[in-house]
Amino acid sequence: MPGNRSPAFPDLATLRQPKPERRQNVRFPMGLPVRYSLAKSCGWGRIVNIGSGGALFTIDQSVRQGQPIELCMGWPVLLNEKVHLNLVASGVIVRAEEGRAAARFEQCSFRTASSAFRRQADVPELRGGAESYG
């Protein structure tokens, strides 16, 4: 084969290279209850996966790309081993499909969780197999 032609098949080193990840942030599977707030409505869902840049969650309302949203999640780790926390994230919907939506976070903060939130989030269908944190 002449030196200026490439082989018909890629070499093994090329085949073994990992495919690049499209996301900038790694997502972790979770089953956390989430309360979402839209401009004129709110509801409960469950986090499917989450990362520092956003989350995929279940939703029972229709949403559109670019729509602002706030998510309030009961965090599974206690502060100082005794204080319940919520992760509150505001952002925009970046993808929506039947029963699920993805949001990109623009701002996040931890806040202490109220007992009312913990009671509402402790409904079995919202836990989705996650351990109760209440």
C-alpha atoms as a PDB file:
ATOM      1  CA  MET A   1       0.000   0.000   0.000  1.00  0.00           C
ATOM      2  CA  PRO A   2       1.469   3.376  -0.909  1.00  0.00           C
ATOM      3  CA  GLY A   3       2.448   5.640   1.987  1.00  0.00           C
ATOM      4  CA  ASN A   4      -0.039   8.381   1.057  1.00  0.00           C
ATOM      5  CA  ARG A   5      -3.173   6.223   1.390  1.00  0.00           C
ATOM      6  CA  SER A   6      -4.922   5.489   4.686  1.00  0.00           C
ATOM      7  CA  PRO A   7      -5.767   1.884   5.570  1.00  0.00           C
ATOM      8  CA  ALA A   8      -9.314   0.672   4.918  1.00  0.00           C
ATOM      9  CA  PHE A   9      -9.817  -0.112   8.618  1.00  0.00           C
ATOM     10  CA  PRO A  10      -8.952   2.051  11.662  1.00  0.00           C
ATOM     11  CA  ASP A  11      -6.213   0.747  13.932  1.00  0.00           C
ATOM     12  CA  LEU A  12      -7.012  -0.737  17.363  1.00  0.00           C
ATOM     13  CA  ALA A  13      -5.814   2.368  19.231  1.00  0.00           C
ATOM     14  CA  THR A  14      -8.451   4.447  17.434  1.00  0.00           C
ATOM     15  CA  LEU A  15     -11.213   1.945  18.244  1.00  0.00           C
ATOM     16  CA  ARG A  16     -10.353   1.887  21.965  1.00  0.00           C
ATOM     17  CA  GLN A  17     -10.577   5.650  22.467  1.00  0.00           C
ATOM     18  CA  PRO A  18     -13.588   6.588  24.640  1.00  0.00           C
ATOM     19  CA  LYS A  19     -16.379   8.501  22.985  1.00  0.00           C
ATOM     20  CA  PRO A  20     -16.543  12.128  24.172  1.00  0.00           C
ATOM     21  CA  GLU A  21     -19.311  13.024  26.638  1.00  0.00           C
ATOM     22  CA  ARG A  22     -21.672  15.670  25.272  1.00  0.00           C
ATOM     23  CA  ARG A  23     -22.545  17.035  28.710  1.00  0.00           C
ATOM     24  CA  GLN A  24     -20.150  19.351  30.461  1.00  0.00           C
ATOM     25  CA  ASN A  25     -21.204  18.023  33.889  1.00  0.00           C
ATOM     26  CA  VAL A  26     -21.564  14.406  35.016  1.00  0.00           C
ATOM     27  CA  ARG A  27     -25.083  13.352  36.052  1.00  0.00           C
ATOM     28  CA  PHE A  28     -25.791  11.011  38.954  1.00  0.00           C
ATOM     29  CA  PRO A  29     -28.947   8.887  39.250  1.00  0.00           C
ATOM     30  CA  MET A  30     -31.143   9.895  42.201  1.00  0.00           C
ATOM     31  CA  GLY A  31     -34.661   9.236  43.401  1.00  0.00           C
ATOM     32  CA  LEU A  32     -35.194  12.456  45.322  1.00  0.00           C
ATOM     33  CA  PRO A  33     -38.632  14.037  45.613  1.00  0.00           C
ATOM     34  CA  VAL A  34     -38.740  17.469  43.978  1.00  0.00           C
ATOM     35  CA  ARG A  35     -41.247  20.287  44.213  1.00  0.00           C
ATOM     36  CA  TYR A  36     -41.197  22.419  41.097  1.00  0.00           C
ATOM     37  CA  SER A  37     -42.559  25.913  40.638  1.00  0.00           C
ATOM     38  CA  LEU A  38     -43.451  27.427  37.292  1.00  0.00           C
ATOM     39  CA  ALA A  39     -44.782  30.921  36.643  1.00  0.00           C
ATOM     40  CA  LYS A  40     -48.429  30.006  37.281  1.00  0.00           C
ATOM     41  CA  SER A  41     -48.364  26.522  38.781  1.00  0.00           C
ATOM     42  CA  CYS A  42     -46.413  24.067  40.886  1.00  0.00           C
ATOM     43  CA  GLY A  43     -46.311  20.350  41.517  1.00  0.00           C
ATOM     44  CA  TRP A  44     -44.317  17.370  42.724  1.00  0.00           C
ATOM     45  CA  GLY A  45     -42.064  15.013  40.802  1.00  0.00           C
ATOM     46  CA  ARG A  46     -38.949  12.918  41.268  1.00  0.00           C
ATOM     47  CA  ILE A  47     -35.355  13.584  40.262  1.00  0.00           C
ATOM     48  CA  VAL A  48     -34.174  11.028  37.690  1.00  0.00           C
ATOM     49  CA  ASN A  49     -30.577  12.267  37.558  1.00  0.00           C
ATOM     50  CA  ILE A  50     -28.722  15.364  38.702  1.00  0.00           C
ATOM     51  CA  GLY A  51     -25.377  17.081  38.213  1.00  0.00           C
ATOM     52  CA  SER A  52     -23.865  20.439  39.032  1.00  0.00           C
ATOM     53  CA  GLY A  53     -25.247  21.890  35.804  1.00  0.00           C
ATOM     54  CA  GLY A  54     -28.814  20.594  35.843  1.00  0.00           C
ATOM     55  CA  ALA A  55     -31.297  17.797  36.445  1.00  0.00           C
ATOM     56  CA  LEU A  56     -33.744  15.500  34.699  1.00  0.00           C
ATOM     57  CA  PHE A  57     -36.998  15.061  36.629  1.00  0.00           C
ATOM     58  CA  THR A  58     -40.522  13.726  36.278  1.00  0.00           C
ATOM     59  CA  ILE A  59     -43.304  16.238  35.772  1.00  0.00           C
ATOM     60  CA  ASP A  60     -47.060  15.949  35.255  1.00  0.00           C
ATOM     61  CA  GLN A  61     -47.507  19.263  33.443  1.00  0.00           C
ATOM     62  CA  SER A  62     -46.503  20.387  29.990  1.00  0.00           C
ATOM     63  CA  VAL A  63     -43.544  22.759  29.856  1.00  0.00           C
ATOM     64  CA  ARG A  64     -41.662  24.370  26.998  1.00  0.00           C
ATOM     65  CA  GLN A  65     -38.002  24.921  26.299  1.00  0.00           C
ATOM     66  CA  GLY A  66     -36.733  28.189  27.772  1.00  0.00           C
ATOM     67  CA  GLN A  67     -39.418  28.345  30.470  1.00  0.00           C
ATOM     68  CA  PRO A  68     -38.105  29.443  33.908  1.00  0.00           C
ATOM     69  CA  ILE A  69     -38.450  26.913  36.723  1.00  0.00           C
ATOM     70  CA  GLU A  70     -37.482  26.530  40.363  1.00  0.00           C
ATOM     71  CA  LEU A  71     -36.757  23.097  41.837  1.00  0.00           C
ATOM     72  CA  CYS A  72     -36.727  22.330  45.559  1.00  0.00           C
ATOM     73  CA  MET A  73     -35.233  18.935  46.441  1.00  0.00           C
ATOM     74  CA  GLY A  74     -34.982  17.285  49.827  1.00  0.00           C
ATOM     75  CA  TRP A  75     -31.247  16.625  50.142  1.00  0.00           C
ATOM     76  CA  PRO A  76     -30.342  13.125  51.426  1.00  0.00           C
ATOM     77  CA  VAL A  77     -27.436  14.306  53.626  1.00  0.00           C
ATOM     78  CA  LEU A  78     -27.930  16.063  56.962  1.00  0.00           C
ATOM     79  CA  LEU A  79     -26.033  19.190  57.964  1.00  0.00           C
ATOM     80  CA  ASN A  80     -24.003  18.468  61.118  1.00  0.00           C
ATOM     81  CA  GLU A  81     -25.720  15.056  61.201  1.00  0.00           C
ATOM     82  CA  LYS A  82     -29.007  16.582  62.391  1.00  0.00           C
ATOM     83  CA  VAL A  83     -30.356  19.400  60.166  1.00  0.00           C
ATOM     84  CA  HIS A  84     -32.430  18.503  57.083  1.00  0.00           C
ATOM     85  CA  LEU A  85     -31.587  20.492  53.952  1.00  0.00           C
ATOM     86  CA  ASN A  86     -33.230  21.366  50.664  1.00  0.00           C
ATOM     87  CA  LEU A  87     -31.311  22.120  47.491  1.00  0.00           C
ATOM     88  CA  VAL A  88     -33.135  24.970  45.778  1.00  0.00           C
ATOM     89  CA  ALA A  89     -32.191  25.523  42.145  1.00  0.00           C
ATOM     90  CA  SER A  90     -33.552  28.037  39.685  1.00  0.00           C
ATOM     91  CA  GLY A  91     -33.010  27.710  35.982  1.00  0.00           C
ATOM     92  CA  VAL A  92     -34.666  27.071  32.642  1.00  0.00           C
ATOM     93  CA  ILE A  93     -36.180  24.075  30.903  1.00  0.00           C
ATOM     94  CA  VAL A  94     -33.767  22.833  28.223  1.00  0.00           C
ATOM     95  CA  ARG A  95     -35.669  19.705  27.159  1.00  0.00           C
ATOM     96  CA  ALA A  96     -39.197  18.406  27.664  1.00  0.00           C
ATOM     97  CA  GLU A  97     -40.788  15.089  26.779  1.00  0.00           C
ATOM     98  CA  GLU A  98     -43.852  13.174  27.941  1.00  0.00           C
ATOM     99  CA  GLY A  99     -43.692  13.027  31.742  1.00  0.00           C
ATOM    100  CA  ARG A 100     -40.104  14.317  32.053  1.00  0.00           C
ATOM    101  CA  ALA A 101     -38.190  17.557  31.711  1.00  0.00           C
ATOM    102  CA  ALA A 102     -34.568  18.653  31.984  1.00  0.00           C
ATOM    103  CA  ALA A 103     -33.529  21.944  33.549  1.00  0.00           C
ATOM    104  CA  ARG A 104     -30.216  23.783  33.390  1.00  0.00           C
ATOM    105  CA  PHE A 105     -29.344  25.358  36.722  1.00  0.00           C
ATOM    106  CA  GLU A 106     -28.562  29.061  36.795  1.00  0.00           C
ATOM    107  CA  GLN A 107     -28.457  29.429  40.582  1.00  0.00           C
ATOM    108  CA  CYS A 108     -28.382  26.905  43.455  1.00  0.00           C
ATOM    109  CA  SER A 109     -28.391  27.186  47.229  1.00  0.00           C
ATOM    110  CA  PHE A 110     -28.920  24.952  50.233  1.00  0.00           C
ATOM    111  CA  ARG A 111     -31.619  25.929  52.719  1.00  0.00           C
ATOM    112  CA  THR A 112     -32.878  24.312  55.855  1.00  0.00           C
ATOM    113  CA  ALA A 113     -35.899  22.097  55.148  1.00  0.00           C
ATOM    114  CA  SER A 114     -39.215  22.799  56.823  1.00  0.00           C
ATOM    115  CA  SER A 115     -41.046  19.937  58.487  1.00  0.00           C
ATOM    116  CA  ALA A 116     -44.025  20.633  56.159  1.00  0.00           C
ATOM    117  CA  PHE A 117     -41.821  20.043  53.082  1.00  0.00           C
ATOM    118  CA  ARG A 118     -40.428  16.837  54.582  1.00  0.00           C
ATOM    119  CA  ARG A 119     -43.939  15.538  55.371  1.00  0.00           C
ATOM    120  CA  GLN A 120     -45.177  16.267  51.826  1.00  0.00           C
ATOM    121  CA  ALA A 121     -42.066  14.785  50.212  1.00  0.00           C
ATOM    122  CA  ASP A 122     -42.310  11.592  52.278  1.00  0.00           C
ATOM    123  CA  VAL A 123     -45.189  10.223  50.166  1.00  0.00           C
ATOM    124  CA  PRO A 124     -44.096   6.749  48.886  1.00  0.00           C
ATOM    125  CA  GLU A 125     -44.815   7.485  45.202  1.00  0.00           C
ATOM    126  CA  LEU A 126     -42.510  10.523  45.336  1.00  0.00           C
ATOM    127  CA  ARG A 127     -39.629   8.670  46.940  1.00  0.00           C
ATOM    128  CA  GLY A 128     -39.209   6.464  43.885  1.00  0.00           C
ATOM    129  CA  GLY A 129     -37.223   3.871  45.771  1.00  0.00           C
ATOM    130  CA  ALA A 130     -34.965   6.423  47.484  1.00  0.00           C
ATOM    131  CA  GLU A 131     -34.482   6.204  51.193  1.00  0.00           C
ATOM    132  CA  SER A 132     -36.712   8.474  53.217  1.00  0.00           C
ATOM    133  CA  TYR A 133     -34.845  11.378  54.730  1.00  0.00           C
ATOM    134  CA  GLY A 134     -37.727  12.526  56.962  1.00  0.00           C
END
